[in-house]
Amino acid sequence: MKQKLALSKINFILIAIGAVIIIAGLLLMTGPSSTETHFEPDIFSTRRIVVAPLVCFVGFIFMIVAIMYRKKESSDEERVNNL
C-alpha cells in the first residue's frame, strides 16, 4: 500500500530552493572579523548588516510559502458541477 505524503514533490523542491536562499544569505554575512589588535571596518558594511539579513528573511518567507503551497487540482466532476 502506497502512503500519500502531506507534501508533494513540488513542495520539497520549493523548500530546497528556500534553504539555498537562506544559505546564500548566511554566506553573505561572512567576512573578516575584528581582533583586539586590529579593527576591521568591513563588519559594518551594507552587505553584512542589510543585504544578508534581508536575503535570509526572504528565504524564510519563501520556505513558509513552499510548505503551504498546494497545487490546484480541477477534476472533471468539479467542472461538470460548476456548469
C-alpha atoms as a PDB file:
ATOM      1  CA  MET A   1       0.000   0.000   0.000  1.00  0.00           C
ATOM      2  CA  LYS A   2       1.405   3.365  -1.047  1.00  0.00           C
ATOM      3  CA  GLN A   3       1.178   6.160   1.515  1.00  0.00           C
ATOM      4  CA  LYS A   4       0.372   9.659   0.386  1.00  0.00           C
ATOM      5  CA  LEU A   5       2.699  12.284   1.862  1.00  0.00           C
ATOM      6  CA  ALA A   6       1.379  15.530   3.295  1.00  0.00           C
ATOM      7  CA  LEU A   7       3.680  17.490   0.972  1.00  0.00           C
ATOM      8  CA  SER A   8       4.075  16.908  -2.739  1.00  0.00           C
ATOM      9  CA  LYS A   9       7.215  16.769  -4.843  1.00  0.00           C
ATOM     10  CA  ILE A  10       6.895  20.443  -5.793  1.00  0.00           C
ATOM     11  CA  ASN A  11       6.754  21.378  -2.090  1.00  0.00           C
ATOM     12  CA  PHE A  12      10.061  19.642  -1.443  1.00  0.00           C
ATOM     13  CA  ILE A  13      11.657  21.324  -4.449  1.00  0.00           C
ATOM     14  CA  LEU A  14      10.469  24.751  -3.248  1.00  0.00           C
ATOM     15  CA  ILE A  15      11.699  24.010   0.291  1.00  0.00           C
ATOM     16  CA  ALA A  16      15.131  23.136  -1.119  1.00  0.00           C
ATOM     17  CA  ILE A  17      15.182  26.422  -3.052  1.00  0.00           C
ATOM     18  CA  GLY A  18      14.282  28.281   0.153  1.00  0.00           C
ATOM     19  CA  ALA A  19      17.108  26.531   2.002  1.00  0.00           C
ATOM     20  CA  VAL A  20      19.574  27.564  -0.709  1.00  0.00           C
ATOM     21  CA  ILE A  21      18.397  31.194  -0.421  1.00  0.00           C
ATOM     22  CA  ILE A  22      18.899  31.107   3.363  1.00  0.00           C
ATOM     23  CA  ILE A  23      22.375  29.600   2.993  1.00  0.00           C
ATOM     24  CA  ALA A  24      23.241  32.301   0.451  1.00  0.00           C
ATOM     25  CA  GLY A  25      22.185  34.942   2.974  1.00  0.00           C
ATOM     26  CA  LEU A  26      24.337  33.372   5.659  1.00  0.00           C
ATOM     27  CA  LEU A  27      27.306  33.272   3.301  1.00  0.00           C
ATOM     28  CA  LEU A  28      26.789  36.968   2.533  1.00  0.00           C
ATOM     29  CA  MET A  29      27.178  37.668   6.267  1.00  0.00           C
ATOM     30  CA  THR A  30      30.616  36.080   6.432  1.00  0.00           C
ATOM     31  CA  GLY A  31      33.814  38.062   6.237  1.00  0.00           C
ATOM     32  CA  PRO A  32      36.836  39.115   8.223  1.00  0.00           C
ATOM     33  CA  SER A  33      36.313  39.873  11.891  1.00  0.00           C
ATOM     34  CA  SER A  34      37.903  42.402  14.190  1.00  0.00           C
ATOM     35  CA  THR A  35      40.534  41.356  16.693  1.00  0.00           C
ATOM     36  CA  GLU A  36      41.847  43.023  19.811  1.00  0.00           C
ATOM     37  CA  THR A  37      44.778  44.479  17.885  1.00  0.00           C
ATOM     38  CA  HIS A  38      43.114  45.241  14.533  1.00  0.00           C
ATOM     39  CA  PHE A  39      39.726  46.859  13.856  1.00  0.00           C
ATOM     40  CA  GLU A  40      38.018  45.664  10.678  1.00  0.00           C
ATOM     41  CA  PRO A  41      35.567  48.330   9.397  1.00  0.00           C
ATOM     42  CA  ASP A  42      34.037  45.776   6.988  1.00  0.00           C
ATOM     43  CA  ILE A  43      31.885  44.443   9.848  1.00  0.00           C
ATOM     44  CA  PHE A  44      29.636  47.481   9.316  1.00  0.00           C
ATOM     45  CA  SER A  45      29.309  47.075   5.547  1.00  0.00           C
ATOM     46  CA  THR A  46      25.882  47.317   3.939  1.00  0.00           C
ATOM     47  CA  ARG A  47      26.222  43.798   2.601  1.00  0.00           C
ATOM     48  CA  ARG A  48      26.670  42.322   6.077  1.00  0.00           C
ATOM     49  CA  ILE A  49      24.111  44.321   8.048  1.00  0.00           C
ATOM     50  CA  VAL A  50      21.368  44.989   5.471  1.00  0.00           C
ATOM     51  CA  VAL A  51      21.531  42.793   2.389  1.00  0.00           C
ATOM     52  CA  ALA A  52      22.375  39.440   4.019  1.00  0.00           C
ATOM     53  CA  PRO A  53      19.668  39.566   6.717  1.00  0.00           C
ATOM     54  CA  LEU A  54      17.153  40.652   4.062  1.00  0.00           C
ATOM     55  CA  VAL A  55      18.117  37.680   1.858  1.00  0.00           C
ATOM     56  CA  CYS A  56      17.733  35.325   4.842  1.00  0.00           C
ATOM     57  CA  PHE A  57      14.332  36.829   5.679  1.00  0.00           C
ATOM     58  CA  VAL A  58      13.147  36.374   2.088  1.00  0.00           C
ATOM     59  CA  GLY A  59      14.389  32.769   2.236  1.00  0.00           C
ATOM     60  CA  PHE A  60      12.381  32.088   5.401  1.00  0.00           C
ATOM     61  CA  ILE A  61       9.244  33.656   3.911  1.00  0.00           C
ATOM     62  CA  PHE A  62       9.769  31.594   0.744  1.00  0.00           C
ATOM     63  CA  MET A  63      10.120  28.473   2.912  1.00  0.00           C
ATOM     64  CA  ILE A  64       6.777  29.170   4.628  1.00  0.00           C
ATOM     65  CA  VAL A  65       5.088  29.682   1.261  1.00  0.00           C
ATOM     66  CA  ALA A  66       6.708  26.487  -0.050  1.00  0.00           C
ATOM     67  CA  ILE A  67       5.300  24.458   2.837  1.00  0.00           C
ATOM     68  CA  MET A  68       1.812  25.922   2.453  1.00  0.00           C
ATOM     69  CA  TYR A  69       1.737  25.716  -1.377  1.00  0.00           C
ATOM     70  CA  ARG A  70      -0.938  23.426  -2.731  1.00  0.00           C
ATOM     71  CA  LYS A  71      -1.403  22.749  -6.415  1.00  0.00           C
ATOM     72  CA  LYS A  72      -4.919  23.451  -7.634  1.00  0.00           C
ATOM     73  CA  GLU A  73      -6.459  20.244  -8.880  1.00  0.00           C
ATOM     74  CA  SER A  74      -9.530  20.554 -11.042  1.00  0.00           C
ATOM     75  CA  SER A  75     -11.184  17.271 -11.798  1.00  0.00           C
ATOM     76  CA  ASP A  76     -13.781  16.535 -14.444  1.00  0.00           C
ATOM     77  CA  GLU A  77     -16.518  16.215 -11.806  1.00  0.00           C
ATOM     78  CA  GLU A  78     -15.845  19.710 -10.459  1.00  0.00           C
ATOM     79  CA  ARG A  79     -16.011  21.193 -13.943  1.00  0.00           C
ATOM     80  CA  VAL A  80     -19.315  19.437 -14.671  1.00  0.00           C
ATOM     81  CA  ASN A  81     -20.796  20.551 -11.323  1.00  0.00           C
ATOM     82  CA  ASN A  82     -19.805  24.160 -11.938  1.00  0.00           C
ATOM     83  CA  LEU A  83     -21.660  24.258 -15.275  1.00  0.00           C
END
